[in-house]
Amino acid sequence: MAEPDSQIRAMANQHKDAVAGYLRTLLVDAGYPDDPDLARRLLLLMDGAAVTELYERTDRPARQAKKMAEALLQNAS
């Protein structure tokens, strides 16, 4: 884990904030409520699926994350 005040950690945080903001925009544009927590949950699913795919070497995590995202979106509308 990077030190709390490291430049790399700051860059990673900025990137995650930018991706969450992009997801938030996509959600609003698709007619969902402006919910930063929903965007962060979707980002968590994306990150978890990407990491799991690296060591499982299969697309199963992405397919599972898609189903979970669909459930989140269904509950958000």
Protein backbone atom coordinates (compact mmCIF):
# COMPACT_ATOMS: atom_id res chain seq x y z
CA MET A 1 0.00 0.00 0.00
CA ALA A 2 1.38 3.41 -0.94
CA GLU A 3 2.17 5.90 1.78
CA PRO A 4 -0.77 8.23 2.53
CA ASP A 5 1.05 11.29 1.23
CA SER A 6 2.73 9.68 -1.79
CA GLN A 7 2.33 11.10 -5.27
CA ILE A 8 1.38 7.68 -6.64
CA ARG A 9 -1.44 7.32 -4.14
CA ALA A 10 -2.67 10.82 -5.00
CA MET A 11 -2.64 9.97 -8.71
CA ALA A 12 -4.51 6.71 -8.09
CA ASN A 13 -7.13 8.54 -6.02
CA GLN A 14 -7.54 11.17 -8.74
CA HIS A 15 -8.00 8.45 -11.33
CA LYS A 16 -10.61 6.61 -9.25
CA ASP A 17 -12.45 9.88 -8.60
CA ALA A 18 -12.44 10.63 -12.34
CA VAL A 19 -13.78 7.16 -13.23
CA ALA A 20 -16.48 7.41 -10.54
CA GLY A 21 -17.43 10.83 -11.89
CA TYR A 22 -17.65 9.44 -15.40
CA LEU A 23 -19.85 6.57 -14.21
CA ARG A 24 -22.03 9.06 -12.36
CA THR A 25 -22.46 11.08 -15.56
CA LEU A 26 -23.34 7.94 -17.52
CA LEU A 27 -25.91 6.98 -14.90
CA VAL A 28 -27.57 10.40 -14.93
CA ASP A 29 -27.56 10.47 -18.74
CA ALA A 30 -29.25 7.05 -18.71
CA GLY A 31 -32.01 8.37 -16.44
CA TYR A 32 -30.80 7.10 -13.07
CA PRO A 33 -30.73 9.34 -10.00
CA ASP A 34 -27.54 11.30 -9.35
CA ASP A 35 -26.12 8.96 -6.72
CA PRO A 36 -22.38 9.09 -6.05
CA ASP A 37 -22.61 5.96 -3.89
CA LEU A 38 -24.09 3.98 -6.77
CA ALA A 39 -21.26 5.11 -9.03
CA ARG A 40 -18.71 4.03 -6.40
CA ARG A 41 -20.37 0.62 -6.00
CA LEU A 42 -20.22 0.08 -9.75
CA LEU A 43 -16.57 1.12 -9.74
CA LEU A 44 -15.90 -1.39 -6.97
CA LEU A 45 -17.50 -4.12 -9.08
CA MET A 46 -15.36 -3.13 -12.06
CA ASP A 47 -12.17 -3.13 -10.01
CA GLY A 48 -12.97 -6.43 -8.33
CA ALA A 49 -13.80 -8.11 -11.61
CA ALA A 50 -10.62 -6.83 -13.26
CA VAL A 51 -8.39 -8.06 -10.43
CA THR A 52 -10.13 -11.42 -10.18
CA GLU A 53 -9.87 -11.95 -13.94
CA LEU A 54 -6.09 -11.53 -13.68
CA TYR A 55 -5.62 -14.52 -11.43
CA GLU A 56 -8.55 -16.67 -12.63
CA ARG A 57 -7.72 -16.09 -16.29
CA THR A 58 -11.39 -16.21 -17.27
CA ASP A 59 -14.15 -13.75 -18.06
CA ARG A 60 -16.40 -15.24 -15.37
CA PRO A 61 -15.77 -12.38 -12.91
CA ALA A 62 -16.88 -9.81 -15.50
CA ARG A 63 -20.05 -11.77 -16.21
CA GLN A 64 -20.78 -12.04 -12.48
CA ALA A 65 -20.09 -8.33 -11.95
CA LYS A 66 -22.46 -7.52 -14.81
CA LYS A 67 -25.27 -9.43 -13.10
CA MET A 68 -24.55 -7.66 -9.81
CA ALA A 69 -24.50 -4.29 -11.58
CA GLU A 70 -27.84 -5.06 -13.21
CA ALA A 71 -29.30 -5.75 -9.75
CA LEU A 72 -27.87 -2.49 -8.39
CA LEU A 73 -29.34 -0.57 -11.31
CA GLN A 74 -32.71 -2.25 -10.96
CA ASN A 75 -32.85 -1.20 -7.30
CA ALA A 76 -31.75 2.35 -8.17
CA SER A 77 -34.57 3.13 -10.57
